[in-house]
């Protein structure tokens, strides 16, 4: 009887044990909160530069609006503890901000690009299409036109206390 109970218990526990193995194999790399904060803050600076360039150059590609949307979503994810996703939306935001700067005859400086540390953290992250889809699902009414957000400086940074 004891053997039957042990066998039954083992059969019940195998799926649980297997799910733990699968979960550990698919988990995202560990990103520390201070690393994510640094990425988000750096992207915020690039977005503010892009905002200024688009305001001056008046070349509206929609990239500034997309940058602001991804960055705001990144901040939301950061605040809700989804740090790995947050850095990737901030990465996507910086890509759009850099494109907006270039479209408005702005120059890209070395400090706007990803550092070696950032590149390492971005490794094995979600594809850009997946990030765009996440944003569209989470915030379907986000503004997509540069002309509509150019009037005021966007709130795209974390507070010092975060």
Protein backbone atom coordinates (compact mmCIF):
# COMPACT_ATOMS: atom_id res chain seq x y z
CA UNK A 1 0.00 0.00 0.00
CA UNK A 2 2.86 2.37 0.85
CA UNK A 3 4.40 1.76 -2.57
CA UNK A 4 1.16 2.64 -4.32
CA UNK A 5 0.86 5.89 -2.31
CA UNK A 6 4.47 6.79 -3.06
CA UNK A 7 3.98 6.07 -6.74
CA UNK A 8 0.77 8.11 -6.81
CA UNK A 9 2.50 11.03 -5.06
CA UNK A 10 5.40 10.85 -7.50
CA UNK A 11 3.02 10.95 -10.46
CA UNK A 12 1.36 14.05 -9.00
CA UNK A 13 4.67 15.80 -8.35
CA UNK A 14 6.35 15.21 -11.72
CA UNK A 15 4.41 17.99 -13.54
CA UNK A 16 5.19 20.43 -10.73
CA UNK A 17 8.89 19.56 -10.80
CA UNK A 18 8.99 19.83 -14.59
CA UNK A 19 7.31 23.24 -14.58
CA UNK A 20 9.98 24.55 -12.19
CA UNK A 21 12.73 23.34 -14.54
CA UNK A 22 11.01 24.91 -17.55
CA UNK A 23 10.48 28.20 -15.72
CA UNK A 24 14.12 28.44 -14.69
CA UNK A 25 15.22 27.82 -18.28
CA UNK A 26 13.01 30.57 -19.72
CA UNK A 27 13.44 33.29 -17.10
CA UNK A 28 14.76 36.64 -18.16
CA UNK A 29 18.27 37.65 -17.16
CA UNK A 30 18.47 39.35 -13.80
CA UNK A 31 18.47 43.11 -14.21
CA UNK A 32 19.04 45.19 -11.12
CA UNK A 33 16.74 48.09 -10.44
CA UNK A 34 19.57 50.64 -10.40
CA UNK A 35 20.69 49.43 -13.85
CA UNK A 36 17.17 49.86 -15.22
CA UNK A 37 16.92 53.31 -13.67
CA UNK A 38 20.15 54.37 -15.35
CA UNK A 39 18.89 53.13 -18.74
CA UNK A 40 15.53 54.87 -18.36
CA UNK A 41 17.13 58.15 -17.28
CA UNK A 42 19.62 58.08 -20.15
CA UNK A 43 16.79 57.46 -22.62
CA UNK A 44 14.86 60.35 -21.09
CA UNK A 45 17.73 62.71 -21.92
CA UNK A 46 17.84 61.46 -25.51
CA UNK A 47 14.06 61.92 -25.84
CA UNK A 48 14.26 65.49 -24.56
CA UNK A 49 16.98 66.24 -27.11
CA UNK A 50 14.78 64.68 -29.80
CA UNK A 51 11.84 66.78 -28.61
CA UNK A 52 13.92 69.95 -29.00
CA UNK A 53 15.20 68.90 -32.45
CA UNK A 54 11.72 68.02 -33.75
CA UNK A 55 10.36 71.30 -32.40
CA UNK A 56 13.09 73.20 -34.24
CA UNK A 57 13.25 71.14 -37.43
CA UNK A 58 9.52 70.43 -37.79
CA UNK A 59 10.11 67.10 -39.53
CA UNK A 60 7.31 64.97 -38.11
CA UNK A 61 7.92 61.26 -38.64
CA UNK A 62 5.99 59.95 -35.65
CA UNK A 63 9.21 58.63 -34.14
CA UNK A 64 9.19 61.16 -31.31
CA UNK A 65 5.62 60.19 -30.36
CA UNK A 66 6.57 56.49 -30.46
CA UNK A 67 9.63 57.19 -28.32
CA UNK A 68 7.54 59.00 -25.72
CA UNK A 69 4.94 56.20 -25.68
CA UNK A 70 7.51 53.43 -25.21
CA UNK A 71 9.30 55.43 -22.53
CA UNK A 72 6.12 56.10 -20.57
CA UNK A 73 5.26 52.41 -20.76
CA UNK A 74 8.81 51.60 -19.65
CA UNK A 75 8.36 53.79 -16.57
CA UNK A 76 5.06 52.08 -15.79
CA UNK A 77 6.71 48.65 -16.08
CA UNK A 78 9.61 49.80 -13.88
CA UNK A 79 7.22 51.03 -11.20
CA UNK A 80 5.29 47.74 -11.25
CA UNK A 81 8.45 45.65 -10.89
CA UNK A 82 8.72 44.39 -14.47
CA UNK A 83 12.32 45.54 -14.75
CA UNK A 84 13.45 43.36 -17.67
CA UNK A 85 10.53 44.48 -19.84
CA UNK A 86 11.06 48.08 -18.73
CA UNK A 87 14.63 48.26 -20.03
CA UNK A 88 13.58 46.88 -23.39
CA UNK A 89 10.79 49.39 -23.87
CA UNK A 90 13.27 52.11 -22.91
CA UNK A 91 15.72 50.68 -25.47
CA UNK A 92 12.99 50.84 -28.10
CA UNK A 93 12.15 54.40 -27.06
CA UNK A 94 15.78 55.46 -27.49
CA UNK A 95 15.87 53.94 -30.98
CA UNK A 96 12.86 56.02 -32.00
CA UNK A 97 14.26 59.16 -30.36
CA UNK A 98 17.55 58.77 -32.24
CA UNK A 99 15.65 58.36 -35.51
CA UNK A 100 13.71 61.57 -34.77
CA UNK A 101 16.95 63.44 -34.06
CA UNK A 102 18.49 62.26 -37.34
CA UNK A 103 15.36 63.15 -39.33
CA UNK A 104 15.62 66.68 -37.98
CA UNK A 105 19.27 67.12 -38.93
CA UNK A 106 20.50 66.49 -35.41
CA UNK A 107 23.73 64.77 -34.58
CA UNK A 108 24.10 61.61 -32.59
CA UNK A 109 26.70 61.69 -29.82
CA UNK A 110 28.46 58.72 -28.27
CA UNK A 111 26.67 59.15 -24.94
CA UNK A 112 23.31 58.66 -26.67
CA UNK A 113 24.24 55.15 -27.81
CA UNK A 114 24.06 52.00 -25.74
CA UNK A 115 26.96 51.30 -23.42
CA UNK A 116 28.61 47.86 -23.19
CA UNK A 117 26.72 47.26 -19.95
CA UNK A 118 23.42 48.14 -21.63
CA UNK A 119 24.18 45.90 -24.61
CA UNK A 120 24.81 43.01 -22.23
CA UNK A 121 21.50 43.62 -20.45
CA UNK A 122 19.61 43.87 -23.75
CA UNK A 123 20.93 40.53 -24.96
CA UNK A 124 18.25 37.89 -25.51
CA UNK A 125 15.46 40.40 -25.07
CA UNK A 126 12.17 40.57 -26.89
CA UNK A 127 12.08 41.59 -30.55
CA UNK A 128 11.05 45.11 -31.49
CA UNK A 129 7.81 43.87 -33.06
CA UNK A 130 6.86 42.20 -29.80
CA UNK A 131 7.53 45.41 -27.86
CA UNK A 132 5.44 47.42 -30.32
CA UNK A 133 2.61 44.92 -29.95
CA UNK A 134 2.85 45.05 -26.13
CA UNK A 135 2.55 48.81 -26.25
CA UNK A 136 -0.41 48.74 -28.64
CA UNK A 137 -2.27 46.31 -26.39
CA UNK A 138 -1.44 48.09 -23.12
CA UNK A 139 -1.96 51.63 -24.40
CA UNK A 140 -4.12 51.59 -27.52
CA UNK A 141 -4.97 55.29 -27.33
CA UNK A 142 -1.38 56.57 -27.15
CA UNK A 143 -0.66 59.56 -29.32
CA UNK A 144 1.18 58.69 -32.53
CA UNK A 145 1.67 62.16 -34.02
CA UNK A 146 4.68 64.30 -33.23
CA UNK A 147 2.71 67.47 -33.97
CA UNK A 148 0.32 66.74 -31.12
CA UNK A 149 2.97 66.22 -28.44
CA UNK A 150 5.46 68.90 -29.44
CA UNK A 151 3.69 71.67 -27.52
CA UNK A 152 4.81 70.57 -24.06
CA UNK A 153 7.89 68.82 -22.74
CA UNK A 154 7.02 65.14 -22.28
CA UNK A 155 7.13 63.49 -18.85
CA UNK A 156 9.57 60.71 -19.71
CA UNK A 157 11.84 60.46 -16.68
CA UNK A 158 11.75 58.85 -13.26
CA UNK A 159 11.81 60.96 -10.14
CA UNK A 160 15.01 61.13 -8.11
CA UNK A 161 13.34 59.11 -5.32
CA UNK A 162 12.52 56.12 -7.51
